[in-house]
């Protein structure tokens, strides 16, 4: 491992085998003939690790894995070359299905909920994180994705505390009450999309919702806002936010675009970059580059060209 580069450590508490189908038009209620799907070990944290690894950043992906589907999950992850540590669990690893309509240009996603883990399995997962943070190689800790049923309510706040105890930043990308809990724990960066942000806070505007998370304790909030690109709110810059967007929206598969943005932000933080416009530009470009790829967990080599096209602006809030 390059000594000058710190490792991006990702934790995915509810991973999945991602199955991606391409369908030439979807007619509800009808049968469709499709080619074999692209199958890979997935879940938001795994996607983050894949993208960072693709661009040469040292990574370690930590996740539970169990059952027959878990064996398939482990085998694919091993063949991918992404450094990882899997925690054996009794529950079957869930599946996620993406149907990309190549005619209509829309992607529909069906996510299984996931199965509960046992208390000792949660302890083993936490122990693996502690072990990964031991030493000087860790540069950032990323917690991503949903939680399976029965998960500890303080799972993400605990990750934030572990990261801070190790002297590194914590990035959290989740939804619902987990966003609020991570903000209260002082997460260095939260990465919801616009719908997740409004739903979690109960607010009706993105700027008010993001500022609420910062008031609770979050340092930075990056928000994926669809055609508006990405927004960045920072605790040291009250009264406004940075916005980055392409001149025209890209068409493609948005699955995993947010994860690519998290990978960009995490890699930047691991490299010691703290300038918010720089982080925002990279996150927006990587996210856009992911849309050009057929499946989550990879980005187009055009990411640098896309970054050059971005329109970056500062917007004041009322």
C-alpha atoms as a PDB file:
ATOM      1  CA  UNK A   1       0.000   0.000   0.000  1.00  0.00           C
ATOM      2  CA  UNK A   2       1.261   3.479  -0.833  1.00  0.00           C
ATOM      3  CA  UNK A   3       2.368   4.968   2.513  1.00  0.00           C
ATOM      4  CA  UNK A   4       1.261   8.425   1.369  1.00  0.00           C
ATOM      5  CA  UNK A   5      -2.340   7.292   0.946  1.00  0.00           C
ATOM      6  CA  UNK A   6      -4.654   6.476   3.820  1.00  0.00           C
ATOM      7  CA  UNK A   7      -7.211   3.714   3.595  1.00  0.00           C
ATOM      8  CA  UNK A   8     -10.927   4.231   2.995  1.00  0.00           C
ATOM      9  CA  UNK A   9     -12.676   1.805   5.350  1.00  0.00           C
ATOM     10  CA  UNK A  10     -16.315   1.082   4.565  1.00  0.00           C
ATOM     11  CA  UNK A  11     -18.889  -0.687   6.725  1.00  0.00           C
ATOM     12  CA  UNK A  12     -22.008  -2.131   5.101  1.00  0.00           C
ATOM     13  CA  UNK A  13     -24.349  -3.561   7.770  1.00  0.00           C
ATOM     14  CA  UNK A  14     -26.987  -4.767   5.284  1.00  0.00           C
ATOM     15  CA  UNK A  15     -25.152  -5.877   2.121  1.00  0.00           C
ATOM     16  CA  UNK A  16     -26.781  -7.529  -0.867  1.00  0.00           C
ATOM     17  CA  UNK A  17     -26.118  -9.425  -4.031  1.00  0.00           C
ATOM     18  CA  UNK A  18     -26.934  -6.857  -6.703  1.00  0.00           C
ATOM     19  CA  UNK A  19     -28.640  -8.254  -9.792  1.00  0.00           C
ATOM     20  CA  UNK A  20     -28.810  -5.777 -12.689  1.00  0.00           C
ATOM     21  CA  UNK A  21     -31.062  -6.544 -15.663  1.00  0.00           C
ATOM     22  CA  UNK A  22     -31.349  -4.551 -18.864  1.00  0.00           C
ATOM     23  CA  UNK A  23     -34.843  -4.631 -20.385  1.00  0.00           C
ATOM     24  CA  UNK A  24     -35.772  -3.191 -23.773  1.00  0.00           C
ATOM     25  CA  UNK A  25     -39.018  -1.653 -22.568  1.00  0.00           C
ATOM     26  CA  UNK A  26     -41.180  -2.637 -19.607  1.00  0.00           C
ATOM     27  CA  UNK A  27     -44.909  -3.293 -19.973  1.00  0.00           C
ATOM     28  CA  UNK A  28     -46.614  -3.729 -16.576  1.00  0.00           C
ATOM     29  CA  UNK A  29     -48.396  -7.056 -16.270  1.00  0.00           C
ATOM     30  CA  UNK A  30     -46.488  -8.626 -19.167  1.00  0.00           C
ATOM     31  CA  UNK A  31     -43.674 -11.160 -19.462  1.00  0.00           C
ATOM     32  CA  UNK A  32     -40.252  -9.953 -20.553  1.00  0.00           C
ATOM     33  CA  UNK A  33     -37.355 -11.958 -21.960  1.00  0.00           C
ATOM     34  CA  UNK A  34     -34.020 -10.722 -20.599  1.00  0.00           C
ATOM     35  CA  UNK A  35     -30.360 -11.680 -20.785  1.00  0.00           C
ATOM     36  CA  UNK A  36     -28.611 -13.040 -17.695  1.00  0.00           C
ATOM     37  CA  UNK A  37     -28.132 -10.279 -15.130  1.00  0.00           C
ATOM     38  CA  UNK A  38     -24.882  -8.742 -14.000  1.00  0.00           C
ATOM     39  CA  UNK A  39     -24.417 -10.169 -10.497  1.00  0.00           C
ATOM     40  CA  UNK A  40     -22.023  -8.700  -7.948  1.00  0.00           C
ATOM     41  CA  UNK A  41     -21.524  -8.213  -4.237  1.00  0.00           C
ATOM     42  CA  UNK A  42     -23.230  -4.957  -3.409  1.00  0.00           C
ATOM     43  CA  UNK A  43     -24.733  -2.696  -0.833  1.00  0.00           C
ATOM     44  CA  UNK A  44     -23.883   0.980  -0.519  1.00  0.00           C
ATOM     45  CA  UNK A  45     -20.613   0.573   1.368  1.00  0.00           C
ATOM     46  CA  UNK A  46     -19.411  -2.079  -1.063  1.00  0.00           C
ATOM     47  CA  UNK A  47     -20.176   0.270  -3.954  1.00  0.00           C
ATOM     48  CA  UNK A  48     -18.179   3.007  -2.240  1.00  0.00           C
ATOM     49  CA  UNK A  49     -15.208   0.676  -1.795  1.00  0.00           C
ATOM     50  CA  UNK A  50     -15.380  -0.520  -5.410  1.00  0.00           C
ATOM     51  CA  UNK A  51     -15.309   3.000  -6.832  1.00  0.00           C
ATOM     52  CA  UNK A  52     -12.480   4.169  -4.574  1.00  0.00           C
ATOM     53  CA  UNK A  53     -10.540   0.988  -5.380  1.00  0.00           C
ATOM     54  CA  UNK A  54     -11.113   1.518  -9.124  1.00  0.00           C
ATOM     55  CA  UNK A  55      -9.398   4.891  -8.889  1.00  0.00           C
ATOM     56  CA  UNK A  56      -6.413   3.573  -6.971  1.00  0.00           C
ATOM     57  CA  UNK A  57      -7.305   4.421  -3.376  1.00  0.00           C
ATOM     58  CA  UNK A  58      -6.488   1.853  -0.660  1.00  0.00           C
ATOM     59  CA  UNK A  59      -9.728   0.424   0.733  1.00  0.00           C
ATOM     60  CA  UNK A  60     -11.086  -2.159   3.122  1.00  0.00           C
ATOM     61  CA  UNK A  61     -14.743  -3.190   2.851  1.00  0.00           C
ATOM     62  CA  UNK A  62     -16.278  -4.721   5.986  1.00  0.00           C
ATOM     63  CA  UNK A  63     -19.650  -6.494   5.871  1.00  0.00           C
ATOM     64  CA  UNK A  64     -21.549  -9.505   7.232  1.00  0.00           C
ATOM     65  CA  UNK A  65     -22.196 -12.425   4.906  1.00  0.00           C
ATOM     66  CA  UNK A  66     -24.247 -15.567   5.387  1.00  0.00           C
ATOM     67  CA  UNK A  67     -26.038 -18.530   3.847  1.00  0.00           C
ATOM     68  CA  UNK A  68     -25.936 -19.790   0.278  1.00  0.00           C
ATOM     69  CA  UNK A  69     -26.337 -16.303  -1.120  1.00  0.00           C
ATOM     70  CA  UNK A  70     -23.581 -15.162   1.231  1.00  0.00           C
ATOM     71  CA  UNK A  71     -21.204 -17.713  -0.295  1.00  0.00           C
ATOM     72  CA  UNK A  72     -22.017 -16.310  -3.735  1.00  0.00           C
ATOM     73  CA  UNK A  73     -21.505 -12.805  -2.345  1.00  0.00           C
ATOM     74  CA  UNK A  74     -18.095 -13.748  -0.906  1.00  0.00           C
ATOM     75  CA  UNK A  75     -16.933 -15.490  -4.080  1.00  0.00           C
ATOM     76  CA  UNK A  76     -17.747 -12.516  -6.295  1.00  0.00           C
ATOM     77  CA  UNK A  77     -16.112 -10.077  -3.896  1.00  0.00           C
ATOM     78  CA  UNK A  78     -12.971 -12.210  -3.818  1.00  0.00           C
ATOM     79  CA  UNK A  79     -12.796 -12.276  -7.621  1.00  0.00           C
ATOM     80  CA  UNK A  80     -13.276  -8.495  -7.761  1.00  0.00           C
ATOM     81  CA  UNK A  81      -9.959  -7.841  -6.056  1.00  0.00           C
ATOM     82  CA  UNK A  82     -11.479  -5.329  -3.628  1.00  0.00           C
ATOM     83  CA  UNK A  83      -9.801  -5.780  -0.214  1.00  0.00           C
ATOM     84  CA  UNK A  84     -12.431  -6.881   2.282  1.00  0.00           C
ATOM     85  CA  UNK A  85     -13.225  -8.587   5.550  1.00  0.00           C
ATOM     86  CA  UNK A  86     -16.474 -10.510   5.821  1.00  0.00           C
ATOM     87  CA  UNK A  87     -18.121 -11.448   9.107  1.00  0.00           C
ATOM     88  CA  UNK A  88     -19.815 -14.887   8.933  1.00  0.00           C
ATOM     89  CA  UNK A  89     -23.454 -14.724  10.043  1.00  0.00           C
ATOM     90  CA  UNK A  90     -26.338 -17.194  10.083  1.00  0.00           C
ATOM     91  CA  UNK A  91     -28.798 -15.046   8.106  1.00  0.00           C
ATOM     92  CA  UNK A  92     -28.944 -15.264   4.329  1.00  0.00           C
ATOM     93  CA  UNK A  93     -27.442 -12.287   2.521  1.00  0.00           C
ATOM     94  CA  UNK A  94     -30.272 -10.424   0.813  1.00  0.00           C
ATOM     95  CA  UNK A  95     -30.665  -9.613  -2.883  1.00  0.00           C
ATOM     96  CA  UNK A  96     -31.315  -6.359  -4.704  1.00  0.00           C
ATOM     97  CA  UNK A  97     -32.726  -6.281  -8.243  1.00  0.00           C
ATOM     98  CA  UNK A  98     -32.319  -3.369 -10.651  1.00  0.00           C
ATOM     99  CA  UNK A  99     -34.356  -3.302 -13.871  1.00  0.00           C
ATOM    100  CA  UNK A 100     -32.901  -0.802 -16.314  1.00  0.00           C
ATOM    101  CA  UNK A 101     -35.364   0.053 -19.074  1.00  0.00           C
ATOM    102  CA  UNK A 102     -33.149   0.829 -22.075  1.00  0.00           C
ATOM    103  CA  UNK A 103     -36.117   2.227 -24.006  1.00  0.00           C
ATOM    104  CA  UNK A 104     -37.815   4.330 -21.350  1.00  0.00           C
ATOM    105  CA  UNK A 105     -34.529   5.392 -19.756  1.00  0.00           C
ATOM    106  CA  UNK A 106     -35.680   4.599 -16.219  1.00  0.00           C
ATOM    107  CA  UNK A 107     -34.383   2.143 -13.634  1.00  0.00           C
ATOM    108  CA  UNK A 108     -36.596   0.374 -11.088  1.00  0.00           C
ATOM    109  CA  UNK A 109     -35.006  -1.131  -7.988  1.00  0.00           C
ATOM    110  CA  UNK A 110     -36.390  -3.870  -5.743  1.00  0.00           C
ATOM    111  CA  UNK A 111     -34.551  -4.223  -2.418  1.00  0.00           C
ATOM    112  CA  UNK A 112     -35.103  -7.126  -0.054  1.00  0.00           C
ATOM    113  CA  UNK A 113     -35.302  -5.950   3.544  1.00  0.00           C
ATOM    114  CA  UNK A 114     -32.556  -8.165   4.931  1.00  0.00           C
ATOM    115  CA  UNK A 115     -32.547 -10.488   7.934  1.00  0.00           C
ATOM    116  CA  UNK A 116     -31.763  -9.815  11.573  1.00  0.00           C
ATOM    117  CA  UNK A 117     -28.293 -10.516  12.924  1.00  0.00           C
ATOM    118  CA  UNK A 118     -27.606 -12.065  16.319  1.00  0.00           C
ATOM    119  CA  UNK A 119     -26.104  -9.956  19.145  1.00  0.00           C
ATOM    120  CA  UNK A 120     -22.756 -11.768  18.941  1.00  0.00           C
ATOM    121  CA  UNK A 121     -22.668 -11.120  15.186  1.00  0.00           C
ATOM    122  CA  UNK A 122     -23.096  -7.379  15.743  1.00  0.00           C
ATOM    123  CA  UNK A 123     -20.275  -7.584  18.269  1.00  0.00           C
ATOM    124  CA  UNK A 124     -18.067  -9.364  15.732  1.00  0.00           C
ATOM    125  CA  UNK A 125     -18.826  -6.684  13.136  1.00  0.00           C
ATOM    126  CA  UNK A 126     -17.895  -3.929  15.609  1.00  0.00           C
ATOM    127  CA  UNK A 127     -14.715  -5.794  16.562  1.00  0.00           C
ATOM    128  CA  UNK A 128     -13.705  -5.963  12.893  1.00  0.00           C
ATOM    129  CA  UNK A 129     -14.112  -2.189  12.613  1.00  0.00           C
ATOM    130  CA  UNK A 130     -12.014  -1.598  15.729  1.00  0.00           C
ATOM    131  CA  UNK A 131      -9.321  -3.886  14.357  1.00  0.00           C
ATOM    132  CA  UNK A 132      -9.324  -2.049  11.013  1.00  0.00           C
ATOM    133  CA  UNK A 133      -8.872   1.286  12.768  1.00  0.00           C
ATOM    134  CA  UNK A 134      -5.863   0.046  14.749  1.00  0.00           C
ATOM    135  CA  UNK A 135      -2.619   1.445  13.388  1.00  0.00           C
ATOM    136  CA  UNK A 136      -1.796   4.281  11.037  1.00  0.00           C
ATOM    137  CA  UNK A 137      -3.337   3.115   7.751  1.00  0.00           C
ATOM    138  CA  UNK A 138      -6.951   4.279   8.260  1.00  0.00           C
ATOM    139  CA  UNK A 139      -7.841   7.626   6.722  1.00  0.00           C
ATOM    140  CA  UNK A 140     -11.646   7.723   6.891  1.00  0.00           C
ATOM    141  CA  UNK A 141     -14.478   5.493   8.125  1.00  0.00           C
ATOM    142  CA  UNK A 142     -17.607   5.233   5.981  1.00  0.00           C
ATOM    143  CA  UNK A 143     -20.881   3.743   7.199  1.00  0.00           C
ATOM    144  CA  UNK A 144     -23.345   3.227   4.355  1.00  0.00           C
ATOM    145  CA  UNK A 145     -26.768   1.834   3.718  1.00  0.00           C
ATOM    146  CA  UNK A 146     -29.858   0.619   5.480  1.00  0.00           C
ATOM    147  CA  UNK A 147     -29.876  -1.377   8.702  1.00  0.00           C
ATOM    148  CA  UNK A 148     -31.410  -4.857   8.876  1.00  0.00           C
ATOM    149  CA  UNK A 149     -34.296  -5.491  11.289  1.00  0.00           C
ATOM    150  CA  UNK A 150     -33.285  -5.468  14.944  1.00  0.00           C
ATOM    151  CA  UNK A 151     -30.070  -3.525  14.389  1.00  0.00           C
ATOM    152  CA  UNK A 152     -28.684  -1.537  17.330  1.00  0.00           C
ATOM    153  CA  UNK A 153     -30.253   1.919  17.284  1.00  0.00           C
ATOM    154  CA  UNK A 154     -26.857   3.499  17.907  1.00  0.00           C
ATOM    155  CA  UNK A 155     -25.013   1.614  15.146  1.00  0.00           C
ATOM    156  CA  UNK A 156     -24.076   4.660  13.103  1.00  0.00           C
ATOM    157  CA  UNK A 157     -23.372   6.932  16.084  1.00  0.00           C
ATOM    158  CA  UNK A 158     -21.071   4.175  17.378  1.00  0.00           C
ATOM    159  CA  UNK A 159     -19.179   4.205  14.079  1.00  0.00           C
ATOM    160  CA  UNK A 160     -18.776   7.978  14.356  1.00  0.00           C
ATOM    161  CA  UNK A 161     -17.358   7.609  17.858  1.00  0.00           C
ATOM    162  CA  UNK A 162     -14.957   4.855  16.788  1.00  0.00           C
ATOM    163  CA  UNK A 163     -13.679   7.011  13.932  1.00  0.00           C
ATOM    164  CA  UNK A 164     -13.163  10.018  16.156  1.00  0.00           C
ATOM    165  CA  UNK A 165     -11.436   7.900  18.801  1.00  0.00           C
ATOM    166  CA  UNK A 166      -9.027   6.843  16.042  1.00  0.00           C
ATOM    167  CA  UNK A 167      -8.521  10.459  15.006  1.00  0.00           C
ATOM    168  CA  UNK A 168     -10.119  10.149  11.555  1.00  0.00           C
ATOM    169  CA  UNK A 169     -13.279  11.593   9.966  1.00  0.00           C
ATOM    170  CA  UNK A 170     -16.565   9.690   9.798  1.00  0.00           C
ATOM    171  CA  UNK A 171     -18.847   9.667   6.747  1.00  0.00           C
ATOM    172  CA  UNK A 172     -22.404   8.317   6.996  1.00  0.00           C
ATOM    173  CA  UNK A 173     -24.844   7.665   4.152  1.00  0.00           C
ATOM    174  CA  UNK A 174     -28.132   6.273   5.383  1.00  0.00           C
ATOM    175  CA  UNK A 175     -31.795   7.213   5.632  1.00  0.00           C
ATOM    176  CA  UNK A 176     -34.483   7.770   8.239  1.00  0.00           C
ATOM    177  CA  UNK A 177     -33.648   8.150  11.921  1.00  0.00           C
ATOM    178  CA  UNK A 178     -30.063   7.046  11.231  1.00  0.00           C
ATOM    179  CA  UNK A 179     -29.309  10.417   9.622  1.00  0.00           C
ATOM    180  CA  UNK A 180     -30.500  12.284  12.698  1.00  0.00           C
ATOM    181  CA  UNK A 181     -28.574   9.979  15.038  1.00  0.00           C
ATOM    182  CA  UNK A 182     -25.375  10.332  12.997  1.00  0.00           C
ATOM    183  CA  UNK A 183     -25.724  14.133  12.982  1.00  0.00           C
ATOM    184  CA  UNK A 184     -26.123  14.210  16.754  1.00  0.00           C
ATOM    185  CA  UNK A 185     -22.993  12.059  17.048  1.00  0.00           C
ATOM    186  CA  UNK A 186     -21.021  14.687  15.138  1.00  0.00           C
ATOM    187  CA  UNK A 187     -20.528  12.953  11.794  1.00  0.00           C
ATOM    188  CA  UNK A 188     -17.993  14.797   9.677  1.00  0.00           C
ATOM    189  CA  UNK A 189     -19.999  14.293   6.503  1.00  0.00           C
ATOM    190  CA  UNK A 190     -23.550  13.130   5.838  1.00  0.00           C
ATOM    191  CA  UNK A 191     -24.629  12.225   2.313  1.00  0.00           C
ATOM    192  CA  UNK A 192     -28.421  11.912   1.901  1.00  0.00           C
ATOM    193  CA  UNK A 193     -30.283  12.489  -1.326  1.00  0.00           C
ATOM    194  CA  UNK A 194     -32.945  15.185  -1.438  1.00  0.00           C
ATOM    195  CA  UNK A 195     -35.821  12.806  -0.671  1.00  0.00           C
ATOM    196  CA  UNK A 196     -34.017  11.151   2.258  1.00  0.00           C
ATOM    197  CA  UNK A 197     -33.066  14.518   3.715  1.00  0.00           C
ATOM    198  CA  UNK A 198     -36.594  15.935   3.657  1.00  0.00           C
ATOM    199  CA  UNK A 199     -38.142  12.717   4.952  1.00  0.00           C
ATOM    200  CA  UNK A 200     -35.700  12.352   7.835  1.00  0.00           C
ATOM    201  CA  UNK A 201     -36.019  15.951   9.026  1.00  0.00           C
ATOM    202  CA  UNK A 202     -39.667  16.571   8.230  1.00  0.00           C
ATOM    203  CA  UNK A 203     -38.730  19.866   6.571  1.00  0.00           C
ATOM    204  CA  UNK A 204     -40.031  21.123   3.217  1.00  0.00           C
ATOM    205  CA  UNK A 205     -36.894  22.810   1.873  1.00  0.00           C
ATOM    206  CA  UNK A 206     -33.417  21.342   1.408  1.00  0.00           C
ATOM    207  CA  UNK A 207     -31.518  24.273   2.886  1.00  0.00           C
ATOM    208  CA  UNK A 208     -33.576  24.292   6.082  1.00  0.00           C
ATOM    209  CA  UNK A 209     -33.286  20.509   6.385  1.00  0.00           C
ATOM    210  CA  UNK A 210     -29.519  20.501   5.856  1.00  0.00           C
ATOM    211  CA  UNK A 211     -29.000  23.359   8.290  1.00  0.00           C
ATOM    212  CA  UNK A 212     -30.981  21.412  10.860  1.00  0.00           C
ATOM    213  CA  UNK A 213     -28.553  18.492  10.575  1.00  0.00           C
ATOM    214  CA  UNK A 214     -25.643  20.888  11.004  1.00  0.00           C
ATOM    215  CA  UNK A 215     -27.325  22.437  14.062  1.00  0.00           C
ATOM    216  CA  UNK A 216     -27.570  18.930  15.521  1.00  0.00           C
ATOM    217  CA  UNK A 217     -23.824  18.419  15.130  1.00  0.00           C
ATOM    218  CA  UNK A 218     -22.954  17.359  11.557  1.00  0.00           C
ATOM    219  CA  UNK A 219     -19.950  19.178  10.069  1.00  0.00           C
ATOM    220  CA  UNK A 220     -20.818  18.852   6.371  1.00  0.00           C
ATOM    221  CA  UNK A 221     -23.951  17.771   4.511  1.00  0.00           C
ATOM    222  CA  UNK A 222     -23.729  16.776   0.838  1.00  0.00           C
ATOM    223  CA  UNK A 223     -27.112  16.443  -0.839  1.00  0.00           C
ATOM    224  CA  UNK A 224     -27.777  14.737  -4.176  1.00  0.00           C
ATOM    225  CA  UNK A 225     -30.488  16.875  -5.768  1.00  0.00           C
ATOM    226  CA  UNK A 226     -31.191  15.191  -9.104  1.00  0.00           C
ATOM    227  CA  UNK A 227     -31.017  17.539 -12.077  1.00  0.00           C
ATOM    228  CA  UNK A 228     -29.838  20.306  -9.736  1.00  0.00           C
ATOM    229  CA  UNK A 229     -26.618  18.370  -9.179  1.00  0.00           C
ATOM    230  CA  UNK A 230     -25.179  18.290  -5.680  1.00  0.00           C
ATOM    231  CA  UNK A 231     -25.318  20.759  -2.802  1.00  0.00           C
ATOM    232  CA  UNK A 232     -22.811  21.204   0.020  1.00  0.00           C
ATOM    233  CA  UNK A 233     -23.629  22.738   3.396  1.00  0.00           C
ATOM    234  CA  UNK A 234     -20.822  23.344   5.896  1.00  0.00           C
ATOM    235  CA  UNK A 235     -20.925  24.258   9.572  1.00  0.00           C
ATOM    236  CA  UNK A 236     -18.313  27.004   9.096  1.00  0.00           C
ATOM    237  CA  UNK A 237     -20.242  28.642   6.236  1.00  0.00           C
ATOM    238  CA  UNK A 238     -23.693  29.556   7.579  1.00  0.00           C
ATOM    239  CA  UNK A 239     -26.195  31.471   5.480  1.00  0.00           C
ATOM    240  CA  UNK A 240     -25.637  29.631   2.234  1.00  0.00           C
ATOM    241  CA  UNK A 241     -24.366  26.587   0.400  1.00  0.00           C
ATOM    242  CA  UNK A 242     -22.274  25.494  -2.567  1.00  0.00           C
ATOM    243  CA  UNK A 243     -23.950  24.033  -5.644  1.00  0.00           C
ATOM    244  CA  UNK A 244     -22.314  21.984  -8.415  1.00  0.00           C
ATOM    245  CA  UNK A 245     -24.090  20.751 -11.529  1.00  0.00           C
ATOM    246  CA  UNK A 246     -23.502  19.859 -15.151  1.00  0.00           C
ATOM    247  CA  UNK A 247     -24.843  22.167 -17.890  1.00  0.00           C
ATOM    248  CA  UNK A 248     -27.239  19.374 -18.896  1.00  0.00           C
ATOM    249  CA  UNK A 249     -28.376  16.264 -16.948  1.00  0.00           C
ATOM    250  CA  UNK A 250     -26.930  12.929 -18.065  1.00  0.00           C
ATOM    251  CA  UNK A 251     -29.074  10.003 -19.132  1.00  0.00           C
ATOM    252  CA  UNK A 252     -28.175   6.535 -17.930  1.00  0.00           C
ATOM    253  CA  UNK A 253     -28.447   4.338 -14.857  1.00  0.00           C
ATOM    254  CA  UNK A 254     -28.523   6.384 -11.622  1.00  0.00           C
ATOM    255  CA  UNK A 255     -28.117   3.289  -9.433  1.00  0.00           C
ATOM    256  CA  UNK A 256     -25.004   3.784  -7.340  1.00  0.00           C
ATOM    257  CA  UNK A 257     -24.471   7.417  -8.333  1.00  0.00           C
ATOM    258  CA  UNK A 258     -24.810   8.558  -4.733  1.00  0.00           C
ATOM    259  CA  UNK A 259     -22.351   5.870  -3.613  1.00  0.00           C
ATOM    260  CA  UNK A 260     -19.819   7.157  -6.135  1.00  0.00           C
ATOM    261  CA  UNK A 261     -20.245  10.613  -4.637  1.00  0.00           C
ATOM    262  CA  UNK A 262     -19.582   9.191  -1.178  1.00  0.00           C
ATOM    263  CA  UNK A 263     -16.483   7.434  -2.512  1.00  0.00           C
ATOM    264  CA  UNK A 264     -15.180  10.724  -3.871  1.00  0.00           C
ATOM    265  CA  UNK A 265     -15.782  12.592  -0.616  1.00  0.00           C
ATOM    266  CA  UNK A 266     -14.293   9.786   1.474  1.00  0.00           C
ATOM    267  CA  UNK A 267     -11.198   9.496  -0.711  1.00  0.00           C
ATOM    268  CA  UNK A 268     -10.697  13.255  -0.508  1.00  0.00           C
ATOM    269  CA  UNK A 269     -10.983  13.247   3.286  1.00  0.00           C
ATOM    270  CA  UNK A 270      -8.594  10.290   3.506  1.00  0.00           C
ATOM    271  CA  UNK A 271      -6.116  12.329   1.448  1.00  0.00           C
ATOM    272  CA  UNK A 272      -6.422  15.214   3.908  1.00  0.00           C
ATOM    273  CA  UNK A 273      -8.534  17.419   1.630  1.00  0.00           C
ATOM    274  CA  UNK A 274     -10.944  19.558   3.627  1.00  0.00           C
ATOM    275  CA  UNK A 275     -11.837  22.325   1.137  1.00  0.00           C
ATOM    276  CA  UNK A 276     -15.581  21.981   0.629  1.00  0.00           C
ATOM    277  CA  UNK A 277     -15.782  23.210  -3.011  1.00  0.00           C
ATOM    278  CA  UNK A 278     -13.014  20.743  -3.942  1.00  0.00           C
ATOM    279  CA  UNK A 279     -14.828  17.870  -2.255  1.00  0.00           C
ATOM    280  CA  UNK A 280     -18.115  18.918  -3.854  1.00  0.00           C
ATOM    281  CA  UNK A 281     -16.631  19.093  -7.349  1.00  0.00           C
ATOM    282  CA  UNK A 282     -15.081  15.654  -7.063  1.00  0.00           C
ATOM    283  CA  UNK A 283     -18.213  14.109  -5.542  1.00  0.00           C
ATOM    284  CA  UNK A 284     -20.458  15.586  -8.239  1.00  0.00           C
ATOM    285  CA  UNK A 285     -18.170  14.454 -11.061  1.00  0.00           C
ATOM    286  CA  UNK A 286     -17.792  10.892  -9.744  1.00  0.00           C
ATOM    287  CA  UNK A 287     -21.534  10.680  -9.156  1.00  0.00           C
ATOM    288  CA  UNK A 288     -22.243  11.828 -12.710  1.00  0.00           C
ATOM    289  CA  UNK A 289     -19.661   9.387 -14.094  1.00  0.00           C
ATOM    290  CA  UNK A 290     -21.449   6.526 -12.329  1.00  0.00           C
ATOM    291  CA  UNK A 291     -24.642   7.285 -14.261  1.00  0.00           C
ATOM    292  CA  UNK A 292     -22.802   6.385 -17.473  1.00  0.00           C
ATOM    293  CA  UNK A 293     -22.078   2.841 -16.280  1.00  0.00           C
ATOM    294  CA  UNK A 294     -24.454  -0.155 -16.462  1.00  0.00           C
ATOM    295  CA  UNK A 295     -24.208  -1.120 -12.779  1.00  0.00           C
ATOM    296  CA  UNK A 296     -23.409   0.345  -9.382  1.00  0.00           C
ATOM    297  CA  UNK A 297     -19.864   0.261  -8.057  1.00  0.00           C
ATOM    298  CA  UNK A 298     -17.962   1.707 -11.007  1.00  0.00           C
ATOM    299  CA  UNK A 299     -17.570   5.016 -12.791  1.00  0.00           C
ATOM    300  CA  UNK A 300     -16.777   6.092 -16.330  1.00  0.00           C
ATOM    301  CA  UNK A 301     -13.208   7.208 -17.143  1.00  0.00           C
ATOM    302  CA  UNK A 302     -14.820  10.465 -18.251  1.00  0.00           C
ATOM    303  CA  UNK A 303     -15.059  11.633 -14.617  1.00  0.00           C
ATOM    304  CA  UNK A 304     -12.237  14.181 -15.060  1.00  0.00           C
ATOM    305  CA  UNK A 305     -13.856  15.638 -18.180  1.00  0.00           C
ATOM    306  CA  UNK A 306     -17.174  15.869 -16.352  1.00  0.00           C
ATOM    307  CA  UNK A 307     -15.504  17.713 -13.465  1.00  0.00           C
ATOM    308  CA  UNK A 308     -14.164  20.294 -15.926  1.00  0.00           C
ATOM    309  CA  UNK A 309     -17.723  20.933 -17.151  1.00  0.00           C
ATOM    310  CA  UNK A 310     -19.243  21.560 -13.732  1.00  0.00           C
ATOM    311  CA  UNK A 311     -20.903  24.837 -12.889  1.00  0.00           C
ATOM    312  CA  UNK A 312     -19.970  25.709  -9.306  1.00  0.00           C
ATOM    313  CA  UNK A 313     -21.742  28.492  -7.449  1.00  0.00           C
ATOM    314  CA  UNK A 314     -22.400  29.845  -3.954  1.00  0.00           C
ATOM    315  CA  UNK A 315     -26.040  30.431  -3.077  1.00  0.00           C
ATOM    316  CA  UNK A 316     -27.241  32.411  -0.102  1.00  0.00           C
ATOM    317  CA  UNK A 317     -30.194  31.224   1.954  1.00  0.00           C
ATOM    318  CA  UNK A 318     -32.891  33.546   3.246  1.00  0.00           C
END
